[in-house]
Amino acid sequence: ELENQLTTKSKTLDELKQSLALNTGVEQTPEALSVRVAELHEMMDSIASQVTQLKTSMQSILEQWRVYDEVYAEVSLMTTRYLYCIDQCKPSVVSLEALKKQVKTLQ
Protein backbone atom coordinates (compact mmCIF):
# COMPACT_ATOMS: atom_id res chain seq x y z
CA GLU A 1 0.00 0.00 0.00
CA LEU A 2 2.83 2.37 0.87
CA GLU A 3 4.57 1.52 -2.38
CA ASN A 4 1.39 2.37 -4.30
CA GLN A 5 1.11 5.69 -2.49
CA LEU A 6 4.75 6.38 -3.22
CA THR A 7 4.18 5.69 -6.92
CA THR A 8 1.19 8.03 -6.91
CA LYS A 9 3.21 10.78 -5.22
CA SER A 10 5.99 10.27 -7.75
CA LYS A 11 3.53 10.73 -10.61
CA THR A 12 2.17 13.87 -8.93
CA LEU A 13 5.71 15.18 -8.60
CA ASP A 14 6.34 14.56 -12.29
CA GLU A 15 3.12 16.40 -13.15
CA LEU A 16 4.22 19.34 -11.00
CA LYS A 17 7.59 19.41 -12.76
CA GLN A 18 5.85 19.53 -16.13
CA SER A 19 3.53 22.26 -14.90
CA LEU A 20 6.48 24.26 -13.63
CA ALA A 21 8.25 23.83 -16.96
CA LEU A 22 5.26 25.45 -18.65
CA ASN A 23 4.90 28.28 -16.12
CA THR A 24 8.54 29.15 -15.58
CA GLY A 25 9.34 31.57 -12.84
CA VAL A 26 6.21 33.51 -11.96
CA GLU A 27 7.35 33.85 -8.34
CA GLN A 28 10.54 31.79 -8.19
CA THR A 29 13.55 31.50 -10.40
CA PRO A 30 14.08 28.29 -12.39
CA GLU A 31 17.21 27.59 -10.34
CA ALA A 32 15.27 27.74 -7.09
CA LEU A 33 12.60 25.48 -8.52
CA SER A 34 15.14 22.95 -9.73
CA VAL A 35 16.75 22.93 -6.27
CA ARG A 36 13.32 22.36 -4.70
CA VAL A 37 12.57 19.54 -7.16
CA ALA A 38 15.94 17.96 -6.34
CA GLU A 39 15.09 18.16 -2.63
CA LEU A 40 11.74 16.51 -3.28
CA HIS A 41 13.47 13.71 -5.19
CA GLU A 42 15.84 13.16 -2.28
CA MET A 43 12.89 13.02 0.11
CA MET A 44 11.12 10.55 -2.18
CA ASP A 45 14.23 8.33 -2.34
CA SER A 46 14.52 8.48 1.44
CA ILE A 47 10.88 7.45 1.84
CA ALA A 48 11.35 4.61 -0.64
CA SER A 49 14.32 3.41 1.39
CA GLN A 50 12.30 3.58 4.61
CA VAL A 51 9.47 1.61 3.00
CA THR A 52 11.95 -1.09 1.96
CA GLN A 53 13.36 -1.27 5.49
CA LEU A 54 9.85 -1.41 6.94
CA LYS A 55 8.91 -4.20 4.55
CA THR A 56 11.96 -6.24 5.58
CA SER A 57 11.24 -5.62 9.25
CA MET A 58 7.59 -6.61 8.87
CA GLN A 59 8.55 -9.85 7.11
CA SER A 60 10.85 -10.69 10.00
CA ILE A 61 8.11 -9.94 12.53
CA LEU A 62 5.60 -12.06 10.62
CA GLU A 63 8.06 -14.97 10.61
CA GLN A 64 8.52 -14.62 14.38
CA TRP A 65 4.73 -14.65 14.90
CA ARG A 66 4.44 -17.76 12.73
CA VAL A 67 7.04 -19.53 14.90
CA TYR A 68 5.23 -18.32 18.03
CA ASP A 69 1.91 -19.70 16.77
CA GLU A 70 3.48 -23.10 16.05
CA VAL A 71 5.11 -23.31 19.48
CA TYR A 72 1.91 -22.10 21.17
CA ALA A 73 -0.11 -24.82 19.46
CA GLU A 74 2.43 -27.45 20.54
CA VAL A 75 2.44 -26.24 24.16
CA SER A 76 -1.35 -26.11 24.19
CA LEU A 77 -1.55 -29.70 22.98
CA MET A 78 0.98 -30.85 25.57
CA THR A 79 -0.94 -29.04 28.32
CA THR A 80 -4.18 -30.72 27.27
CA ARG A 81 -2.50 -34.13 27.30
CA TYR A 82 -1.00 -33.42 30.74
CA LEU A 83 -4.37 -32.39 32.17
CA TYR A 84 -5.98 -35.51 30.71
CA CYS A 85 -3.31 -37.74 32.27
CA ILE A 86 -3.70 -36.05 35.65
CA ASP A 87 -7.46 -36.49 35.47
CA GLN A 88 -7.13 -40.19 34.57
CA CYS A 89 -4.48 -40.96 37.18
CA LYS A 90 -6.32 -39.43 40.15
CA PRO A 91 -6.97 -41.89 42.88
CA SER A 92 -10.63 -42.02 43.70
CA VAL A 93 -11.47 -40.45 47.04
CA VAL A 94 -13.18 -42.97 49.28
CA SER A 95 -14.54 -42.30 52.75
CA LEU A 96 -13.58 -44.31 55.78
CA GLU A 97 -17.08 -45.68 56.13
CA ALA A 98 -17.11 -46.91 52.54
CA LEU A 99 -13.82 -48.69 53.14
CA LYS A 100 -15.19 -50.35 56.31
CA LYS A 101 -18.24 -51.58 54.40
CA GLN A 102 -16.00 -52.95 51.66
CA VAL A 103 -13.85 -54.76 54.23
CA LYS A 104 -16.95 -56.29 55.81
CA THR A 105 -18.22 -57.40 52.40
CA LEU A 106 -14.91 -59.01 51.59
CA GLN A 107 -14.80 -60.82 54.93
PDB file of N, CA and C in Angstrom:
ATOM      1  N   GLU A   1       0.830  -1.191   0.000  1.00  0.00           N
ATOM      2  CA  GLU A   1       0.000   0.000   0.000  1.00  0.00           C
ATOM      3  C   GLU A   1       0.870   1.248   0.000  1.00  0.00           C
ATOM      4  N   LEU A   2       1.920   1.224   0.832  1.00  0.00           N
ATOM      5  CA  LEU A   2       2.830   2.370   0.867  1.00  0.00           C
ATOM      6  C   LEU A   2       3.544   2.546  -0.466  1.00  0.00           C
ATOM      7  N   GLU A   3       3.900   1.432  -1.078  1.00  0.00           N
ATOM      8  CA  GLU A   3       4.570   1.522  -2.379  1.00  0.00           C
ATOM      9  C   GLU A   3       3.635   2.135  -3.420  1.00  0.00           C
ATOM     10  N   ASN A   4       2.360   1.785  -3.371  1.00  0.00           N
ATOM     11  CA  ASN A   4       1.390   2.366  -4.302  1.00  0.00           C
ATOM     12  C   ASN A   4       1.244   3.865  -4.067  1.00  0.00           C
ATOM     13  N   GLN A   5       1.198   4.265  -2.811  1.00  0.00           N
ATOM     14  CA  GLN A   5       1.105   5.688  -2.486  1.00  0.00           C
ATOM     15  C   GLN A   5       2.352   6.421  -2.961  1.00  0.00           C
ATOM     16  N   LEU A   6       3.507   5.776  -2.785  1.00  0.00           N
ATOM     17  CA  LEU A   6       4.754   6.385  -3.221  1.00  0.00           C
ATOM     18  C   LEU A   6       4.765   6.565  -4.736  1.00  0.00           C
ATOM     19  N   THR A   7       4.263   5.584  -5.465  1.00  0.00           N
ATOM     20  CA  THR A   7       4.177   5.689  -6.925  1.00  0.00           C
ATOM     21  C   THR A   7       3.250   6.831  -7.323  1.00  0.00           C
ATOM     22  N   THR A   8       2.132   6.948  -6.622  1.00  0.00           N
ATOM     23  CA  THR A   8       1.189   8.034  -6.906  1.00  0.00           C
ATOM     24  C   THR A   8       1.833   9.387  -6.650  1.00  0.00           C
ATOM     25  N   LYS A   9       2.539   9.508  -5.552  1.00  0.00           N
ATOM     26  CA  LYS A   9       3.214  10.776  -5.222  1.00  0.00           C
ATOM     27  C   LYS A   9       4.286  11.098  -6.258  1.00  0.00           C
ATOM     28  N   SER A  10       4.970  10.061  -6.733  1.00  0.00           N
ATOM     29  CA  SER A  10       5.994  10.269  -7.752  1.00  0.00           C
ATOM     30  C   SER A  10       5.371  10.805  -9.037  1.00  0.00           C
ATOM     31  N   LYS A  11       4.218  10.244  -9.420  1.00  0.00           N
ATOM     32  CA  LYS A  11       3.530  10.730 -10.610  1.00  0.00           C
ATOM     33  C   LYS A  11       3.080  12.183 -10.422  1.00  0.00           C
ATOM     34  N   THR A  12       2.591  12.495  -9.233  1.00  0.00           N
ATOM     35  CA  THR A  12       2.167  13.869  -8.933  1.00  0.00           C
ATOM     36  C   THR A  12       3.359  14.820  -9.031  1.00  0.00           C
ATOM     37  N   LEU A  13       4.500  14.369  -8.526  1.00  0.00           N
ATOM     38  CA  LEU A  13       5.706  15.181  -8.599  1.00  0.00           C
ATOM     39  C   LEU A  13       6.112  15.430 -10.052  1.00  0.00           C
ATOM     40  N   ASP A  14       6.024  14.399 -10.868  1.00  0.00           N
ATOM     41  CA  ASP A  14       6.339  14.564 -12.293  1.00  0.00           C
ATOM     42  C   ASP A  14       5.382  15.547 -12.963  1.00  0.00           C
ATOM     43  N   GLU A  15       4.099  15.461 -12.606  1.00  0.00           N
ATOM     44  CA  GLU A  15       3.124  16.400 -13.153  1.00  0.00           C
ATOM     45  C   GLU A  15       3.439  17.828 -12.735  1.00  0.00           C
ATOM     46  N   LEU A  16       3.848  18.004 -11.489  1.00  0.00           N
ATOM     47  CA  LEU A  16       4.225  19.344 -11.004  1.00  0.00           C
ATOM     48  C   LEU A  16       5.446  19.872 -11.754  1.00  0.00           C
ATOM     49  N   LYS A  17       6.407  18.978 -12.010  1.00  0.00           N
ATOM     50  CA  LYS A  17       7.588  19.412 -12.762  1.00  0.00           C
ATOM     51  C   LYS A  17       7.193  19.876 -14.157  1.00  0.00           C
ATOM     52  N   GLN A  18       6.292  19.137 -14.796  1.00  0.00           N
ATOM     53  CA  GLN A  18       5.848  19.527 -16.131  1.00  0.00           C
ATOM     54  C   GLN A  18       5.089  20.854 -16.080  1.00  0.00           C
ATOM     55  N   SER A  19       4.283  21.014 -15.060  1.00  0.00           N
ATOM     56  CA  SER A  19       3.528  22.261 -14.901  1.00  0.00           C
ATOM     57  C   SER A  19       4.481  23.432 -14.666  1.00  0.00           C
ATOM     58  N   LEU A  20       5.505  23.193 -13.898  1.00  0.00           N
ATOM     59  CA  LEU A  20       6.484  24.257 -13.630  1.00  0.00           C
ATOM     60  C   LEU A  20       7.281  24.591 -14.892  1.00  0.00           C
ATOM     61  N   ALA A  21       7.516  23.583 -15.719  1.00  0.00           N
ATOM     62  CA  ALA A  21       8.249  23.831 -16.958  1.00  0.00           C
ATOM     63  C   ALA A  21       7.439  24.740 -17.878  1.00  0.00           C
ATOM     64  N   LEU A  22       6.115  24.613 -17.818  1.00  0.00           N
ATOM     65  CA  LEU A  22       5.256  25.453 -18.651  1.00  0.00           C
ATOM     66  C   LEU A  22       5.114  26.866 -18.085  1.00  0.00           C
ATOM     67  N   ASN A  23       5.069  26.971 -16.779  1.00  0.00           N
ATOM     68  CA  ASN A  23       4.896  28.276 -16.116  1.00  0.00           C
ATOM     69  C   ASN A  23       6.204  28.684 -15.441  1.00  0.00           C
ATOM     70  N   THR A  24       7.224  28.887 -16.174  1.00  0.00           N
ATOM     71  CA  THR A  24       8.544  29.155 -15.585  1.00  0.00           C
ATOM     72  C   THR A  24       8.589  30.500 -14.888  1.00  0.00           C
ATOM     73  N   GLY A  25       8.956  30.436 -13.639  1.00  0.00           N
ATOM     74  CA  GLY A  25       9.337  31.574 -12.837  1.00  0.00           C
ATOM     75  C   GLY A  25       8.357  32.700 -12.640  1.00  0.00           C
ATOM     76  N   VAL A  26       7.121  32.422 -12.289  1.00  0.00           N
ATOM     77  CA  VAL A  26       6.210  33.510 -11.960  1.00  0.00           C
ATOM     78  C   VAL A  26       6.649  34.145 -10.652  1.00  0.00           C
ATOM     79  N   GLU A  27       6.936  33.311  -9.632  1.00  0.00           N
ATOM     80  CA  GLU A  27       7.350  33.853  -8.338  1.00  0.00           C
ATOM     81  C   GLU A  27       8.771  33.425  -7.982  1.00  0.00           C
ATOM     82  N   GLN A  28       9.222  32.290  -8.529  1.00  0.00           N
ATOM     83  CA  GLN A  28      10.544  31.785  -8.194  1.00  0.00           C
ATOM     84  C   GLN A  28      11.367  31.644  -9.470  1.00  0.00           C
ATOM     85  N   THR A  29      12.657  31.678  -9.270  1.00  0.00           N
ATOM     86  CA  THR A  29      13.553  31.504 -10.403  1.00  0.00           C
ATOM     87  C   THR A  29      13.625  30.021 -10.763  1.00  0.00           C
ATOM     88  N   PRO A  30      13.966  29.697 -11.991  1.00  0.00           N
ATOM     89  CA  PRO A  30      14.084  28.293 -12.390  1.00  0.00           C
ATOM     90  C   PRO A  30      15.131  27.539 -11.572  1.00  0.00           C
ATOM     91  N   GLU A  31      16.171  28.238 -11.153  1.00  0.00           N
ATOM     92  CA  GLU A  31      17.213  27.587 -10.344  1.00  0.00           C
ATOM     93  C   GLU A  31      16.650  27.168  -8.989  1.00  0.00           C
ATOM     94  N   ALA A  32      15.869  28.059  -8.392  1.00  0.00           N
ATOM     95  CA  ALA A  32      15.274  27.745  -7.090  1.00  0.00           C
ATOM     96  C   ALA A  32      14.297  26.581  -7.216  1.00  0.00           C
ATOM     97  N   LEU A  33      13.554  26.575  -8.307  1.00  0.00           N
ATOM     98  CA  LEU A  33      12.603  25.483  -8.524  1.00  0.00           C
ATOM     99  C   LEU A  33      13.322  24.157  -8.753  1.00  0.00           C
ATOM    100  N   SER A  34      14.405  24.189  -9.494  1.00  0.00           N
ATOM    101  CA  SER A  34      15.138  22.951  -9.734  1.00  0.00           C
ATOM    102  C   SER A  34      15.764  22.424  -8.442  1.00  0.00           C
ATOM    103  N   VAL A  35      16.212  23.357  -7.567  1.00  0.00           N
ATOM    104  CA  VAL A  35      16.745  22.932  -6.267  1.00  0.00           C
ATOM    105  C   VAL A  35      15.637  22.289  -5.440  1.00  0.00           C
ATOM    106  N   ARG A  36      14.460  22.897  -5.463  1.00  0.00           N
ATOM    107  CA  ARG A  36      13.316  22.362  -4.701  1.00  0.00           C
ATOM    108  C   ARG A  36      12.914  20.979  -5.245  1.00  0.00           C
ATOM    109  N   VAL A  37      12.908  20.831  -6.556  1.00  0.00           N
ATOM    110  CA  VAL A  37      12.571  19.542  -7.161  1.00  0.00           C
ATOM    111  C   VAL A  37      13.609  18.493  -6.765  1.00  0.00           C
ATOM    112  N   ALA A  38      14.883  18.885  -6.748  1.00  0.00           N
ATOM    113  CA  ALA A  38      15.938  17.956  -6.338  1.00  0.00           C
ATOM    114  C   ALA A  38      15.738  17.529  -4.879  1.00  0.00           C
ATOM    115  N   GLU A  39      15.363  18.485  -4.030  1.00  0.00           N
ATOM    116  CA  GLU A  39      15.091  18.157  -2.627  1.00  0.00           C
ATOM    117  C   GLU A  39      13.921  17.180  -2.513  1.00  0.00           C
ATOM    118  N   LEU A  40      12.890  17.408  -3.312  1.00  0.00           N
ATOM    119  CA  LEU A  40      11.739  16.511  -3.282  1.00  0.00           C
ATOM    120  C   LEU A  40      12.118  15.109  -3.749  1.00  0.00           C
ATOM    121  N   HIS A  41      12.986  15.025  -4.739  1.00  0.00           N
ATOM    122  CA  HIS A  41      13.466  13.710  -5.194  1.00  0.00           C
ATOM    123  C   HIS A  41      14.250  13.006  -4.094  1.00  0.00           C
ATOM    124  N   GLU A  42      15.089  13.757  -3.387  1.00  0.00           N
ATOM    125  CA  GLU A  42      15.841  13.158  -2.282  1.00  0.00           C
ATOM    126  C   GLU A  42      14.898  12.652  -1.199  1.00  0.00           C
ATOM    127  N   MET A  43      13.870  13.433  -0.898  1.00  0.00           N
ATOM    128  CA  MET A  43      12.889  13.016   0.108  1.00  0.00           C
ATOM    129  C   MET A  43      12.162  11.755  -0.353  1.00  0.00           C
ATOM    130  N   MET A  44      11.813  11.707  -1.632  1.00  0.00           N
ATOM    131  CA  MET A  44      11.117  10.548  -2.178  1.00  0.00           C
ATOM    132  C   MET A  44      12.011   9.308  -2.107  1.00  0.00           C
ATOM    133  N   ASP A  45      13.296   9.458  -2.434  1.00  0.00           N
ATOM    134  CA  ASP A  45      14.226   8.333  -2.342  1.00  0.00           C
ATOM    135  C   ASP A  45      14.373   7.867  -0.895  1.00  0.00           C
ATOM    136  N   SER A  46      14.407   8.821   0.025  1.00  0.00           N
ATOM    137  CA  SER A  46      14.516   8.481   1.441  1.00  0.00           C
ATOM    138  C   SER A  46      13.285   7.700   1.898  1.00  0.00           C
ATOM    139  N   ILE A  47      12.116   8.142   1.480  1.00  0.00           N
ATOM    140  CA  ILE A  47      10.878   7.452   1.845  1.00  0.00           C
ATOM    141  C   ILE A  47      10.856   6.051   1.235  1.00  0.00           C
ATOM    142  N   ALA A  48      11.300   5.929   0.006  1.00  0.00           N
ATOM    143  CA  ALA A  48      11.347   4.605  -0.636  1.00  0.00           C
ATOM    144  C   ALA A  48      12.273   3.675   0.139  1.00  0.00           C
ATOM    145  N   SER A  49      13.392   4.201   0.606  1.00  0.00           N
ATOM    146  CA  SER A  49      14.322   3.405   1.391  1.00  0.00           C
ATOM    147  C   SER A  49      13.684   2.979   2.715  1.00  0.00           C
ATOM    148  N   GLN A  50      12.971   3.895   3.351  1.00  0.00           N
ATOM    149  CA  GLN A  50      12.303   3.577   4.610  1.00  0.00           C
ATOM    150  C   GLN A  50      11.227   2.520   4.411  1.00  0.00           C
ATOM    151  N   VAL A  51      10.501   2.601   3.297  1.00  0.00           N
ATOM    152  CA  VAL A  51       9.469   1.606   2.999  1.00  0.00           C
ATOM    153  C   VAL A  51      10.112   0.235   2.820  1.00  0.00           C
ATOM    154  N   THR A  52      11.243   0.179   2.146  1.00  0.00           N
ATOM    155  CA  THR A  52      11.949  -1.090   1.958  1.00  0.00           C
ATOM    156  C   THR A  52      12.388  -1.667   3.300  1.00  0.00           C
ATOM    157  N   GLN A  53      12.943  -0.811   4.158  1.00  0.00           N
ATOM    158  CA  GLN A  53      13.361  -1.268   5.487  1.00  0.00           C
ATOM    159  C   GLN A  53      12.161  -1.752   6.299  1.00  0.00           C
ATOM    160  N   LEU A  54      11.064  -1.021   6.213  1.00  0.00           N
ATOM    161  CA  LEU A  54       9.854  -1.406   6.936  1.00  0.00           C
ATOM    162  C   LEU A  54       9.326  -2.744   6.434  1.00  0.00           C
ATOM    163  N   LYS A  55       9.379  -2.943   5.150  1.00  0.00           N
ATOM    164  CA  LYS A  55       8.910  -4.197   4.554  1.00  0.00           C
ATOM    165  C   LYS A  55       9.747  -5.371   5.063  1.00  0.00           C
ATOM    166  N   THR A  56      11.064  -5.200   5.076  1.00  0.00           N
ATOM    167  CA  THR A  56      11.964  -6.239   5.577  1.00  0.00           C
ATOM    168  C   THR A  56      11.681  -6.531   7.048  1.00  0.00           C
ATOM    169  N   SER A  57      11.517  -5.468   7.818  1.00  0.00           N
ATOM    170  CA  SER A  57      11.237  -5.622   9.245  1.00  0.00           C
ATOM    171  C   SER A  57       9.914  -6.338   9.477  1.00  0.00           C
ATOM    172  N   MET A  58       8.902  -5.991   8.716  1.00  0.00           N
ATOM    173  CA  MET A  58       7.588  -6.614   8.873  1.00  0.00           C
ATOM    174  C   MET A  58       7.643  -8.098   8.505  1.00  0.00           C
ATOM    175  N   GLN A  59       8.419  -8.449   7.487  1.00  0.00           N
ATOM    176  CA  GLN A  59       8.552  -9.854   7.111  1.00  0.00           C
ATOM    177  C   GLN A  59       9.201 -10.642   8.247  1.00  0.00           C
ATOM    178  N   SER A  60      10.195 -10.042   8.877  1.00  0.00           N
ATOM    179  CA  SER A  60      10.849 -10.692  10.003  1.00  0.00           C
ATOM    180  C   SER A  60       9.872 -10.881  11.166  1.00  0.00           C
ATOM    181  N   ILE A  61       9.079  -9.860  11.438  1.00  0.00           N
ATOM    182  CA  ILE A  61       8.109  -9.941  12.526  1.00  0.00           C
ATOM    183  C   ILE A  61       7.050 -10.994  12.223  1.00  0.00           C
ATOM    184  N   LEU A  62       6.590 -11.047  10.993  1.00  0.00           N
ATOM    185  CA  LEU A  62       5.602 -12.062  10.619  1.00  0.00           C
ATOM    186  C   LEU A  62       6.158 -13.469  10.786  1.00  0.00           C
ATOM    187  N   GLU A  63       7.422 -13.660  10.439  1.00  0.00           N
ATOM    188  CA  GLU A  63       8.059 -14.969  10.609  1.00  0.00           C
ATOM    189  C   GLU A  63       8.131 -15.334  12.088  1.00  0.00           C
ATOM    190  N   GLN A  64       8.458 -14.363  12.939  1.00  0.00           N
ATOM    191  CA  GLN A  64       8.516 -14.619  14.378  1.00  0.00           C
ATOM    192  C   GLN A  64       7.134 -14.977  14.929  1.00  0.00           C
ATOM    193  N   TRP A  65       6.087 -14.316  14.462  1.00  0.00           N
ATOM    194  CA  TRP A  65       4.730 -14.645  14.900  1.00  0.00           C
ATOM    195  C   TRP A  65       4.332 -16.043  14.425  1.00  0.00           C
ATOM    196  N   ARG A  66       4.751 -16.419  13.227  1.00  0.00           N
ATOM    197  CA  ARG A  66       4.442 -17.759  12.726  1.00  0.00           C
ATOM    198  C   ARG A  66       5.077 -18.811  13.633  1.00  0.00           C
ATOM    199  N   VAL A  67       6.345 -18.599  13.999  1.00  0.00           N
ATOM    200  CA  VAL A  67       7.036 -19.530  14.896  1.00  0.00           C
ATOM    201  C   VAL A  67       6.331 -19.563  16.249  1.00  0.00           C
ATOM    202  N   TYR A  68       5.942 -18.396  16.747  1.00  0.00           N
ATOM    203  CA  TYR A  68       5.229 -18.321  18.029  1.00  0.00           C
ATOM    204  C   TYR A  68       3.937 -19.127  17.971  1.00  0.00           C
ATOM    205  N   ASP A  69       3.170 -18.966  16.897  1.00  0.00           N
ATOM    206  CA  ASP A  69       1.909 -19.703  16.765  1.00  0.00           C
ATOM    207  C   ASP A  69       2.137 -21.211  16.762  1.00  0.00           C
ATOM    208  N   GLU A  70       3.183 -21.663  16.081  1.00  0.00           N
ATOM    209  CA  GLU A  70       3.485 -23.096  16.049  1.00  0.00           C
ATOM    210  C   GLU A  70       3.834 -23.613  17.439  1.00  0.00           C
ATOM    211  N   VAL A  71       4.693 -22.882  18.140  1.00  0.00           N
ATOM    212  CA  VAL A  71       5.107 -23.306  19.476  1.00  0.00           C
ATOM    213  C   VAL A  71       3.923 -23.253  20.444  1.00  0.00           C
ATOM    214  N   TYR A  72       3.086 -22.227  20.310  1.00  0.00           N
ATOM    215  CA  TYR A  72       1.913 -22.103  21.174  1.00  0.00           C
ATOM    216  C   TYR A  72       0.974 -23.288  20.978  1.00  0.00           C
ATOM    217  N   ALA A  73       0.758 -23.680  19.737  1.00  0.00           N
ATOM    218  CA  ALA A  73      -0.110 -24.825  19.456  1.00  0.00           C
ATOM    219  C   ALA A  73       0.460 -26.103  20.074  1.00  0.00           C
ATOM    220  N   GLU A  74       1.782 -26.266  19.964  1.00  0.00           N
ATOM    221  CA  GLU A  74       2.425 -27.451  20.535  1.00  0.00           C
ATOM    222  C   GLU A  74       2.302 -27.470  22.058  1.00  0.00           C
ATOM    223  N   VAL A  75       2.540 -26.334  22.694  1.00  0.00           N
ATOM    224  CA  VAL A  75       2.441 -26.242  24.156  1.00  0.00           C
ATOM    225  C   VAL A  75       0.997 -26.463  24.606  1.00  0.00           C
ATOM    226  N   SER A  76       0.066 -25.928  23.862  1.00  0.00           N
ATOM    227  CA  SER A  76      -1.346 -26.109  24.194  1.00  0.00           C
ATOM    228  C   SER A  76      -1.733 -27.588  24.134  1.00  0.00           C
ATOM    229  N   LEU A  77      -1.272 -28.278  23.106  1.00  0.00           N
ATOM    230  CA  LEU A  77      -1.551 -29.705  22.980  1.00  0.00           C
ATOM    231  C   LEU A  77      -0.922 -30.486  24.134  1.00  0.00           C
ATOM    232  N   MET A  78       0.307 -30.154  24.471  1.00  0.00           N
ATOM    233  CA  MET A  78       0.982 -30.849  25.573  1.00  0.00           C
ATOM    234  C   MET A  78       0.254 -30.596  26.895  1.00  0.00           C
ATOM    235  N   THR A  79      -0.211 -29.378  27.099  1.00  0.00           N
ATOM    236  CA  THR A  79      -0.938 -29.043  28.322  1.00  0.00           C
ATOM    237  C   THR A  79      -2.240 -29.835  28.412  1.00  0.00           C
ATOM    238  N   THR A  80      -2.935 -29.948  27.293  1.00  0.00           N
ATOM    239  CA  THR A  80      -4.185 -30.722  27.265  1.00  0.00           C
ATOM    240  C   THR A  80      -3.914 -32.178  27.595  1.00  0.00           C
ATOM    241  N   ARG A  81      -2.863 -32.733  27.011  1.00  0.00           N
ATOM    242  CA  ARG A  81      -2.498 -34.130  27.302  1.00  0.00           C
ATOM    243  C   ARG A  81      -2.152 -34.308  28.785  1.00  0.00           C
ATOM    244  N   TYR A  82      -1.404 -33.363  29.332  1.00  0.00           N
ATOM    245  CA  TYR A  82      -0.996 -33.417  30.735  1.00  0.00           C
ATOM    246  C   TYR A  82      -2.232 -33.393  31.637  1.00  0.00           C
ATOM    247  N   LEU A  83      -3.158 -32.482  31.348  1.00  0.00           N
ATOM    248  CA  LEU A  83      -4.373 -32.386  32.171  1.00  0.00           C
ATOM    249  C   LEU A  83      -5.205 -33.657  32.072  1.00  0.00           C
ATOM    250  N   TYR A  84      -5.252 -34.256  30.884  1.00  0.00           N
ATOM    251  CA  TYR A  84      -5.984 -35.508  30.710  1.00  0.00           C
ATOM    252  C   TYR A  84      -5.342 -36.619  31.543  1.00  0.00           C
ATOM    253  N   CYS A  85      -4.016 -36.706  31.495  1.00  0.00           N
ATOM    254  CA  CYS A  85      -3.314 -37.737  32.274  1.00  0.00           C
ATOM    255  C   CYS A  85      -3.537 -37.553  33.769  1.00  0.00           C
ATOM    256  N   ILE A  86      -3.485 -36.317  34.221  1.00  0.00           N
ATOM    257  CA  ILE A  86      -3.704 -36.050  35.646  1.00  0.00           C
ATOM    258  C   ILE A  86      -5.114 -36.470  36.037  1.00  0.00           C
ATOM    259  N   ASP A  87      -6.073 -36.151  35.169  1.00  0.00           N
ATOM    260  CA  ASP A  87      -7.458 -36.493  35.465  1.00  0.00           C
ATOM    261  C   ASP A  87      -7.648 -38.006  35.512  1.00  0.00           C
ATOM    262  N   GLN A  88      -6.984 -38.736  34.620  1.00  0.00           N
ATOM    263  CA  GLN A  88      -7.134 -40.186  34.572  1.00  0.00           C
ATOM    264  C   GLN A  88      -6.380 -40.896  35.695  1.00  0.00           C
ATOM    265  N   CYS A  89      -5.320 -40.303  36.177  1.00  0.00           N
ATOM    266  CA  CYS A  89      -4.484 -40.956  37.183  1.00  0.00           C
ATOM    267  C   CYS A  89      -4.884 -40.607  38.617  1.00  0.00           C
ATOM    268  N   LYS A  90      -5.903 -39.803  38.797  1.00  0.00           N
ATOM    269  CA  LYS A  90      -6.324 -39.428  40.147  1.00  0.00           C
ATOM    270  C   LYS A  90      -6.836 -40.660  40.879  1.00  0.00           C
ATOM    271  N   PRO A  91      -6.375 -40.812  42.093  1.00  0.00           N
ATOM    272  CA  PRO A  91      -6.972 -41.893  42.881  1.00  0.00           C
ATOM    273  C   PRO A  91      -8.377 -41.449  43.310  1.00  0.00           C
ATOM    274  N   SER A  92      -9.276 -42.380  43.302  1.00  0.00           N
ATOM    275  CA  SER A  92     -10.632 -42.020  43.704  1.00  0.00           C
ATOM    276  C   SER A  92     -10.662 -41.798  45.216  1.00  0.00           C
ATOM    277  N   VAL A  93     -11.382 -40.786  45.621  1.00  0.00           N
ATOM    278  CA  VAL A  93     -11.475 -40.446  47.044  1.00  0.00           C
ATOM    279  C   VAL A  93     -12.600 -41.289  47.641  1.00  0.00           C
ATOM    280  N   VAL A  94     -12.216 -42.083  48.645  1.00  0.00           N
ATOM    281  CA  VAL A  94     -13.179 -42.970  49.276  1.00  0.00           C
ATOM    282  C   VAL A  94     -13.235 -42.641  50.763  1.00  0.00           C
ATOM    283  N   SER A  95     -14.401 -42.608  51.319  1.00  0.00           N
ATOM    284  CA  SER A  95     -14.542 -42.297  52.751  1.00  0.00           C
ATOM    285  C   SER A  95     -14.179 -43.512  53.598  1.00  0.00           C
ATOM    286  N   LEU A  96     -13.958 -43.249  54.849  1.00  0.00           N
ATOM    287  CA  LEU A  96     -13.582 -44.308  55.781  1.00  0.00           C
ATOM    288  C   LEU A  96     -14.730 -45.303  55.944  1.00  0.00           C
ATOM    289  N   GLU A  97     -15.926 -44.799  55.966  1.00  0.00           N
ATOM    290  CA  GLU A  97     -17.084 -45.684  56.131  1.00  0.00           C
ATOM    291  C   GLU A  97     -17.241 -46.615  54.931  1.00  0.00           C
ATOM    292  N   ALA A  98     -17.000 -46.067  53.726  1.00  0.00           N
ATOM    293  CA  ALA A  98     -17.110 -46.906  52.537  1.00  0.00           C
ATOM    294  C   ALA A  98     -16.051 -47.992  52.558  1.00  0.00           C
ATOM    295  N   LEU A  99     -14.865 -47.673  53.045  1.00  0.00           N
ATOM    296  CA  LEU A  99     -13.817 -48.693  53.142  1.00  0.00           C
ATOM    297  C   LEU A  99     -14.187 -49.774  54.163  1.00  0.00           C
ATOM    298  N   LYS A 100     -14.781 -49.378  55.289  1.00  0.00           N
ATOM    299  CA  LYS A 100     -15.191 -50.352  56.311  1.00  0.00           C
ATOM    300  C   LYS A 100     -16.249 -51.294  55.754  1.00  0.00           C
ATOM    301  N   LYS A 101     -17.204 -50.754  54.997  1.00  0.00           N
ATOM    302  CA  LYS A 101     -18.244 -51.584  54.395  1.00  0.00           C
ATOM    303  C   LYS A 101     -17.631 -52.568  53.399  1.00  0.00           C
ATOM    304  N   GLN A 102     -16.643 -52.080  52.644  1.00  0.00           N
ATOM    305  CA  GLN A 102     -16.005 -52.949  51.662  1.00  0.00           C
ATOM    306  C   GLN A 102     -15.224 -54.054  52.352  1.00  0.00           C
ATOM    307  N   VAL A 103     -14.576 -53.754  53.478  1.00  0.00           N
ATOM    308  CA  VAL A 103     -13.848 -54.759  54.232  1.00  0.00           C
ATOM    309  C   VAL A 103     -14.820 -55.802  54.779  1.00  0.00           C
ATOM    310  N   LYS A 104     -15.960 -55.361  55.289  1.00  0.00           N
ATOM    311  CA  LYS A 104     -16.955 -56.293  55.813  1.00  0.00           C
ATOM    312  C   LYS A 104     -17.486 -57.195  54.705  1.00  0.00           C
ATOM    313  N   THR A 105     -17.705 -56.591  53.529  1.00  0.00           N
ATOM    314  CA  THR A 105     -18.216 -57.398  52.403  1.00  0.00           C
ATOM    315  C   THR A 105     -17.187 -58.438  51.994  1.00  0.00           C
ATOM    316  N   LEU A 106     -15.948 -58.071  51.995  1.00  0.00           N
ATOM    317  CA  LEU A 106     -14.910 -59.011  51.586  1.00  0.00           C
ATOM    318  C   LEU A 106     -14.727 -60.118  52.622  1.00  0.00           C
ATOM    319  N   GLN A 107     -14.960 -59.788  53.874  1.00  0.00           N
ATOM    320  CA  GLN A 107     -14.800 -60.820  54.929  1.00  0.00           C
ATOM    321  C   GLN A 107     -15.916 -61.816  54.821  1.00  0.00           C
TER     322      GLN A 107
END
